[in-house]
Amino acid sequence: MQSNRSQVFLASIATALLFLAWPGVSRSQCSNSLQVSCDAYKSCFAKYCPCEAEADEYFMSYGDKYCRAFLGNAALSDAGRKWRESTMRCLQESIVPYLDISAQPKCNCRQMKRRAFDSHVACYTKQGASICDLPAGDVAQISKTIDVKDLFDKAGWKQMYEVSKVCAQTAPEDGRRATWKAVEVVLSSRM
């Protein structure tokens, strides 16, 4: 428990320092709170990268949507909640270096969506809170939280495949690694 609080504290300090280094940052809208939250998607990311009318919009239609869905999933175990919080924080923090937080922000919606998607696998499989280490019940809950259409579109399939490749190498050797290897084989059929 103490280690988790220390990690949260250090992540908060690092985020605060990152924002302090950028002039003109709206700190109240774009900084992470100690509590995991989805507020940054609307008050920061969508504000500084308004793409709502474009097919490449990501922040509200995907990021915020799944952030809220995962926060609302009460069926995750303690390990699953640790993974969820670590992943949510990682996904949000991975956007910050690419976001133009200025008075007149410029944003390439397609590029931001790609960068956000590109961060998913690393955040999902982050050492210390990896989906690869979760019990089967948590992986099932995670799968239930994601819309079927998002699982089976090209980007979703690619993410699942990339996650399965990592987990096939890093999951515990108690049957989970073999399961992930089987998932990798199935998913590779469409790659």
C-alpha atoms as a PDB file:
ATOM      1  CA  MET A   1       0.000   0.000   0.000  1.00  0.00           C
ATOM      2  CA  GLN A   2       2.812   2.392   0.916  1.00  0.00           C
ATOM      3  CA  SER A   3       4.579   1.636  -2.374  1.00  0.00           C
ATOM      4  CA  ASN A   4       1.409   2.466  -4.327  1.00  0.00           C
ATOM      5  CA  ARG A   5       1.045   5.802  -2.514  1.00  0.00           C
ATOM      6  CA  SER A   6       4.707   6.559  -3.185  1.00  0.00           C
ATOM      7  CA  GLN A   7       4.243   5.802  -6.889  1.00  0.00           C
ATOM      8  CA  VAL A   8       1.154   8.023  -7.058  1.00  0.00           C
ATOM      9  CA  PHE A   9       2.999  10.796  -5.236  1.00  0.00           C
ATOM     10  CA  LEU A  10       6.041  10.551  -7.524  1.00  0.00           C
ATOM     11  CA  ALA A  11       3.841  10.455 -10.644  1.00  0.00           C
ATOM     12  CA  SER A  12       2.011  13.551  -9.436  1.00  0.00           C
ATOM     13  CA  ILE A  13       5.275  15.392  -8.776  1.00  0.00           C
ATOM     14  CA  ALA A  14       6.633  14.414 -12.205  1.00  0.00           C
ATOM     15  CA  THR A  15       3.457  15.569 -13.917  1.00  0.00           C
ATOM     16  CA  ALA A  16       3.474  18.846 -12.010  1.00  0.00           C
ATOM     17  CA  LEU A  17       7.101  19.486 -12.965  1.00  0.00           C
ATOM     18  CA  LEU A  18       6.335  18.692 -16.589  1.00  0.00           C
ATOM     19  CA  PHE A  19       3.512  21.229 -16.658  1.00  0.00           C
ATOM     20  CA  LEU A  20       5.494  23.869 -14.799  1.00  0.00           C
ATOM     21  CA  ALA A  21       8.176  23.655 -17.469  1.00  0.00           C
ATOM     22  CA  TRP A  22       5.686  24.700 -20.177  1.00  0.00           C
ATOM     23  CA  PRO A  23       4.650  28.348 -20.211  1.00  0.00           C
ATOM     24  CA  GLY A  24       0.986  29.076 -20.788  1.00  0.00           C
ATOM     25  CA  VAL A  25      -0.241  25.735 -19.514  1.00  0.00           C
ATOM     26  CA  SER A  26      -3.646  25.729 -17.945  1.00  0.00           C
ATOM     27  CA  ARG A  27      -2.567  23.689 -14.941  1.00  0.00           C
ATOM     28  CA  SER A  28      -6.034  23.249 -13.470  1.00  0.00           C
ATOM     29  CA  GLN A  29      -7.337  21.750 -16.710  1.00  0.00           C
ATOM     30  CA  CYS A  30      -4.411  19.575 -17.757  1.00  0.00           C
ATOM     31  CA  SER A  31      -2.729  18.263 -14.631  1.00  0.00           C
ATOM     32  CA  ASN A  32      -3.362  14.848 -13.140  1.00  0.00           C
ATOM     33  CA  SER A  33      -4.975  14.731  -9.755  1.00  0.00           C
ATOM     34  CA  LEU A  34      -3.979  12.247  -7.081  1.00  0.00           C
ATOM     35  CA  GLN A  35      -7.208  10.389  -7.810  1.00  0.00           C
ATOM     36  CA  VAL A  36      -7.491   8.733 -11.198  1.00  0.00           C
ATOM     37  CA  SER A  37      -9.938  10.758 -13.269  1.00  0.00           C
ATOM     38  CA  CYS A  38     -11.224  11.060 -16.807  1.00  0.00           C
ATOM     39  CA  ASP A  39     -11.608  14.846 -16.659  1.00  0.00           C
ATOM     40  CA  ALA A  40      -8.456  15.577 -18.689  1.00  0.00           C
ATOM     41  CA  TYR A  41     -10.030  14.189 -21.854  1.00  0.00           C
ATOM     42  CA  LYS A  42     -12.671  16.918 -21.990  1.00  0.00           C
ATOM     43  CA  SER A  43     -11.129  19.814 -20.061  1.00  0.00           C
ATOM     44  CA  CYS A  44      -7.677  19.513 -21.619  1.00  0.00           C
ATOM     45  CA  PHE A  45      -7.181  17.108 -24.519  1.00  0.00           C
ATOM     46  CA  ALA A  46     -10.396  17.820 -26.463  1.00  0.00           C
ATOM     47  CA  LYS A  47     -10.072  21.525 -25.654  1.00  0.00           C
ATOM     48  CA  TYR A  48      -6.569  21.840 -27.093  1.00  0.00           C
ATOM     49  CA  CYS A  49      -7.125  19.314 -29.879  1.00  0.00           C
ATOM     50  CA  PRO A  50     -10.746  19.867 -30.932  1.00  0.00           C
ATOM     51  CA  CYS A  51     -11.478  17.194 -33.503  1.00  0.00           C
ATOM     52  CA  GLU A  52     -15.136  16.442 -32.772  1.00  0.00           C
ATOM     53  CA  ALA A  53     -16.245  16.962 -36.377  1.00  0.00           C
ATOM     54  CA  GLU A  54     -13.501  14.751 -37.810  1.00  0.00           C
ATOM     55  CA  ALA A  55     -13.301  11.014 -38.348  1.00  0.00           C
ATOM     56  CA  ASP A  56      -9.962  11.090 -36.532  1.00  0.00           C
ATOM     57  CA  GLU A  57     -11.421  12.347 -33.240  1.00  0.00           C
ATOM     58  CA  TYR A  58     -10.058  10.223 -30.381  1.00  0.00           C
ATOM     59  CA  PHE A  59     -10.237  11.984 -27.049  1.00  0.00           C
ATOM     60  CA  MET A  60     -13.989  11.948 -26.385  1.00  0.00           C
ATOM     61  CA  SER A  61     -15.193   9.107 -28.607  1.00  0.00           C
ATOM     62  CA  TYR A  62     -12.522   6.650 -27.461  1.00  0.00           C
ATOM     63  CA  GLY A  63     -10.281   7.909 -24.641  1.00  0.00           C
ATOM     64  CA  ASP A  64     -12.966   9.438 -22.416  1.00  0.00           C
ATOM     65  CA  LYS A  65     -15.497   6.747 -23.313  1.00  0.00           C
ATOM     66  CA  TYR A  66     -13.237   3.901 -22.181  1.00  0.00           C
ATOM     67  CA  CYS A  67     -11.782   5.805 -19.257  1.00  0.00           C
ATOM     68  CA  ARG A  68     -15.315   6.171 -17.834  1.00  0.00           C
ATOM     69  CA  ALA A  69     -16.267   2.599 -18.701  1.00  0.00           C
ATOM     70  CA  PHE A  70     -13.237   1.196 -16.900  1.00  0.00           C
ATOM     71  CA  LEU A  71     -13.708   3.457 -13.880  1.00  0.00           C
ATOM     72  CA  GLY A  72     -17.288   2.190 -13.687  1.00  0.00           C
ATOM     73  CA  ASN A  73     -16.246  -1.475 -13.724  1.00  0.00           C
ATOM     74  CA  ALA A  74     -16.583  -2.546 -10.091  1.00  0.00           C
ATOM     75  CA  ALA A  75     -15.943  -6.221 -10.871  1.00  0.00           C
ATOM     76  CA  LEU A  76     -12.146  -5.931 -11.181  1.00  0.00           C
ATOM     77  CA  SER A  77      -9.969  -7.506  -8.489  1.00  0.00           C
ATOM     78  CA  ASP A  78      -7.400  -5.469  -6.551  1.00  0.00           C
ATOM     79  CA  ALA A  79      -4.826  -6.416  -9.218  1.00  0.00           C
ATOM     80  CA  GLY A  80      -7.266  -5.399 -11.940  1.00  0.00           C
ATOM     81  CA  ARG A  81      -7.915  -2.028 -10.290  1.00  0.00           C
ATOM     82  CA  LYS A  82      -4.156  -1.458  -9.945  1.00  0.00           C
ATOM     83  CA  TRP A  83      -3.756  -2.243 -13.664  1.00  0.00           C
ATOM     84  CA  ARG A  84      -6.681   0.038 -14.559  1.00  0.00           C
ATOM     85  CA  GLU A  85      -5.316   2.998 -12.609  1.00  0.00           C
ATOM     86  CA  SER A  86      -1.760   2.568 -13.868  1.00  0.00           C
ATOM     87  CA  THR A  87      -2.988   2.198 -17.443  1.00  0.00           C
ATOM     88  CA  MET A  88      -5.326   5.191 -17.278  1.00  0.00           C
ATOM     89  CA  ARG A  89      -2.588   7.411 -15.892  1.00  0.00           C
ATOM     90  CA  CYS A  90      -0.072   6.127 -18.475  1.00  0.00           C
ATOM     91  CA  LEU A  91      -2.473   6.706 -21.383  1.00  0.00           C
ATOM     92  CA  GLN A  92      -3.196  10.270 -20.285  1.00  0.00           C
ATOM     93  CA  GLU A  93       0.440  11.117 -19.580  1.00  0.00           C
ATOM     94  CA  SER A  94       1.536   9.733 -22.954  1.00  0.00           C
ATOM     95  CA  ILE A  95      -0.568  12.384 -24.720  1.00  0.00           C
ATOM     96  CA  VAL A  96       0.882  15.400 -22.914  1.00  0.00           C
ATOM     97  CA  PRO A  97       4.228  15.677 -24.763  1.00  0.00           C
ATOM     98  CA  TYR A  98       2.417  15.963 -28.102  1.00  0.00           C
ATOM     99  CA  LEU A  99      -0.332  18.379 -27.092  1.00  0.00           C
ATOM    100  CA  ASP A 100      -0.009  22.046 -28.026  1.00  0.00           C
ATOM    101  CA  ILE A 101      -1.300  23.803 -24.916  1.00  0.00           C
ATOM    102  CA  SER A 102      -1.066  27.366 -26.107  1.00  0.00           C
ATOM    103  CA  ALA A 103      -3.486  30.263 -26.556  1.00  0.00           C
ATOM    104  CA  GLN A 104      -3.950  29.236 -30.202  1.00  0.00           C
ATOM    105  CA  PRO A 105      -3.273  25.493 -30.252  1.00  0.00           C
ATOM    106  CA  LYS A 106      -2.551  23.617 -33.444  1.00  0.00           C
ATOM    107  CA  CYS A 107      -3.498  19.986 -33.666  1.00  0.00           C
ATOM    108  CA  ASN A 108      -3.277  17.309 -36.310  1.00  0.00           C
ATOM    109  CA  CYS A 109      -6.214  15.087 -35.321  1.00  0.00           C
ATOM    110  CA  ARG A 110      -5.069  12.061 -37.314  1.00  0.00           C
ATOM    111  CA  GLN A 111      -1.578  12.255 -35.848  1.00  0.00           C
ATOM    112  CA  MET A 112      -2.880  12.662 -32.284  1.00  0.00           C
ATOM    113  CA  LYS A 113      -5.196   9.676 -32.686  1.00  0.00           C
ATOM    114  CA  ARG A 114      -2.321   7.565 -34.014  1.00  0.00           C
ATOM    115  CA  ARG A 115      -0.026   8.637 -31.181  1.00  0.00           C
ATOM    116  CA  ALA A 116      -2.711   7.878 -28.610  1.00  0.00           C
ATOM    117  CA  PHE A 117      -3.321   4.415 -30.084  1.00  0.00           C
ATOM    118  CA  ASP A 118       0.424   3.814 -30.327  1.00  0.00           C
ATOM    119  CA  SER A 119       0.719   4.294 -26.551  1.00  0.00           C
ATOM    120  CA  HIS A 120      -1.903   1.667 -25.691  1.00  0.00           C
ATOM    121  CA  VAL A 121       0.200  -1.499 -25.847  1.00  0.00           C
ATOM    122  CA  ALA A 122       3.025  -0.078 -23.714  1.00  0.00           C
ATOM    123  CA  CYS A 123       0.544   1.233 -21.160  1.00  0.00           C
ATOM    124  CA  TYR A 124      -1.462  -2.014 -21.047  1.00  0.00           C
ATOM    125  CA  THR A 125       1.695  -4.098 -20.527  1.00  0.00           C
ATOM    126  CA  LYS A 126       3.620  -1.714 -18.279  1.00  0.00           C
ATOM    127  CA  GLN A 127       5.901  -3.547 -15.867  1.00  0.00           C
ATOM    128  CA  GLY A 128       4.434  -3.696 -12.367  1.00  0.00           C
ATOM    129  CA  ALA A 129       0.841  -3.372 -13.604  1.00  0.00           C
ATOM    130  CA  SER A 130       0.595  -5.419 -16.783  1.00  0.00           C
ATOM    131  CA  ILE A 131      -2.506  -7.004 -18.245  1.00  0.00           C
ATOM    132  CA  CYS A 132      -0.259 -10.030 -18.801  1.00  0.00           C
ATOM    133  CA  ASP A 133      -0.108 -10.665 -15.055  1.00  0.00           C
ATOM    134  CA  LEU A 134      -3.833 -10.367 -14.378  1.00  0.00           C
ATOM    135  CA  PRO A 135      -6.012 -13.323 -13.470  1.00  0.00           C
ATOM    136  CA  ALA A 136      -8.346 -14.632 -16.171  1.00  0.00           C
ATOM    137  CA  GLY A 137     -11.374 -13.070 -14.446  1.00  0.00           C
ATOM    138  CA  ASP A 138      -9.910  -9.591 -14.820  1.00  0.00           C
ATOM    139  CA  VAL A 139      -8.978 -10.157 -18.462  1.00  0.00           C
ATOM    140  CA  ALA A 140     -12.576 -11.279 -19.054  1.00  0.00           C
ATOM    141  CA  GLN A 141     -13.887  -8.118 -17.332  1.00  0.00           C
ATOM    142  CA  ILE A 142     -11.591  -5.964 -19.461  1.00  0.00           C
ATOM    143  CA  SER A 143     -12.841  -7.694 -22.621  1.00  0.00           C
ATOM    144  CA  LYS A 144     -16.476  -7.163 -21.574  1.00  0.00           C
ATOM    145  CA  THR A 145     -15.832  -3.449 -21.084  1.00  0.00           C
ATOM    146  CA  ILE A 146     -14.707  -2.916 -24.681  1.00  0.00           C
ATOM    147  CA  ASP A 147     -17.316  -2.589 -27.438  1.00  0.00           C
ATOM    148  CA  VAL A 148     -17.216  -5.496 -29.876  1.00  0.00           C
ATOM    149  CA  LYS A 149     -16.894  -3.129 -32.849  1.00  0.00           C
ATOM    150  CA  ASP A 150     -13.737  -1.632 -31.299  1.00  0.00           C
ATOM    151  CA  LEU A 151     -12.258  -5.049 -30.575  1.00  0.00           C
ATOM    152  CA  PHE A 152     -12.668  -6.174 -34.161  1.00  0.00           C
ATOM    153  CA  ASP A 153     -11.765  -3.047 -36.099  1.00  0.00           C
ATOM    154  CA  LYS A 154      -8.273  -2.876 -37.572  1.00  0.00           C
ATOM    155  CA  ALA A 155      -6.753  -0.772 -34.758  1.00  0.00           C
ATOM    156  CA  GLY A 156      -8.358  -2.868 -32.014  1.00  0.00           C
ATOM    157  CA  TRP A 157      -7.255  -6.145 -33.557  1.00  0.00           C
ATOM    158  CA  LYS A 158      -3.712  -4.844 -33.976  1.00  0.00           C
ATOM    159  CA  GLN A 159      -3.595  -3.737 -30.334  1.00  0.00           C
ATOM    160  CA  MET A 160      -4.868  -7.112 -29.109  1.00  0.00           C
ATOM    161  CA  TYR A 161      -2.270  -8.859 -31.252  1.00  0.00           C
ATOM    162  CA  GLU A 162       0.581  -6.658 -30.011  1.00  0.00           C
ATOM    163  CA  VAL A 163      -0.529  -7.134 -26.385  1.00  0.00           C
ATOM    164  CA  SER A 164      -0.717 -10.898 -26.877  1.00  0.00           C
ATOM    165  CA  LYS A 165       2.839 -10.918 -28.305  1.00  0.00           C
ATOM    166  CA  VAL A 166       4.150  -9.134 -25.193  1.00  0.00           C
ATOM    167  CA  CYS A 167       2.151 -11.331 -22.820  1.00  0.00           C
ATOM    168  CA  ALA A 168       3.211 -14.516 -24.615  1.00  0.00           C
ATOM    169  CA  GLN A 169       6.748 -13.616 -23.512  1.00  0.00           C
ATOM    170  CA  THR A 170       6.168 -12.025 -20.106  1.00  0.00           C
ATOM    171  CA  ALA A 171       3.058 -13.519 -18.464  1.00  0.00           C
ATOM    172  CA  PRO A 172       3.588 -15.802 -15.472  1.00  0.00           C
ATOM    173  CA  GLU A 173       4.371 -19.441 -16.320  1.00  0.00           C
ATOM    174  CA  ASP A 174       1.298 -20.695 -14.431  1.00  0.00           C
ATOM    175  CA  GLY A 175      -0.799 -21.227 -17.538  1.00  0.00           C
ATOM    176  CA  ARG A 176      -1.301 -17.564 -18.369  1.00  0.00           C
ATOM    177  CA  ARG A 177       1.702 -17.438 -20.709  1.00  0.00           C
ATOM    178  CA  ALA A 178       0.418 -20.470 -22.643  1.00  0.00           C
ATOM    179  CA  THR A 179      -3.015 -18.862 -22.873  1.00  0.00           C
ATOM    180  CA  TRP A 180      -1.529 -15.636 -24.220  1.00  0.00           C
ATOM    181  CA  LYS A 181       0.552 -17.640 -26.737  1.00  0.00           C
ATOM    182  CA  ALA A 182      -2.650 -19.296 -27.972  1.00  0.00           C
ATOM    183  CA  VAL A 183      -4.327 -15.902 -28.255  1.00  0.00           C
ATOM    184  CA  GLU A 184      -1.333 -14.612 -30.225  1.00  0.00           C
ATOM    185  CA  VAL A 185      -1.609 -17.495 -32.699  1.00  0.00           C
ATOM    186  CA  VAL A 186      -5.314 -16.886 -33.239  1.00  0.00           C
ATOM    187  CA  LEU A 187      -4.877 -13.135 -33.656  1.00  0.00           C
ATOM    188  CA  SER A 188      -1.918 -13.532 -36.020  1.00  0.00           C
ATOM    189  CA  SER A 189      -4.241 -15.157 -38.555  1.00  0.00           C
ATOM    190  CA  ARG A 190      -5.609 -11.710 -39.432  1.00  0.00           C
ATOM    191  CA  MET A 191      -2.343  -9.784 -39.381  1.00  0.00           C
END
